[in-house]
């Protein structure tokens, strides 16, 4: 009986020892970080500089200029008049004729057409602004707008000579 007791204690010890020394399955993990970038791209068409001859004796609209633009990020499109009107060259600007600029398709903050006087845009004014990344994704950032110039009162244009102004549109990404 003593032998049987020794065998059962030994068996119990072996059984409990093997349970305590169980093997855990091995596992390993690999994380791969992916990084990339897309450059900010804003396109204004036409680009560079263009020249339009306006008829200052005509108080009607002077036709329109179409501007297409696109940006792959939120953006701001501004317009600015260098002289705040048509600057008389022979008088070095002593005579400066204001004009009206009507814009369509540039939605901006108030979501509609905007009208400016040249004197009001001597400091840059916002024509359009998109702040939503989601809207850029949905519409690709592509938009088109038109501008129409008009002189308001023919009686202001009695001074002979040449006149100049430069409108500058700036399309800038807001990153």
Foldseek 3Di string as FASTA:
>chain_A
DVVVVVVVVVVVVVVVVCVVPDDDDDDDDDDDDDDDDDDKDKDKPPDDDDDDDADLLDQDKRDKDKMKMFILAWKWKKKAKCLLAWAFVVVRRPQGAKKKKWKAFAQAPPGGIDMDISNRRNPIDTSHTDHDNVVCVVPVRITMMMMIIGGHDNVSPPDDGGTDMDMDMDMGHDD
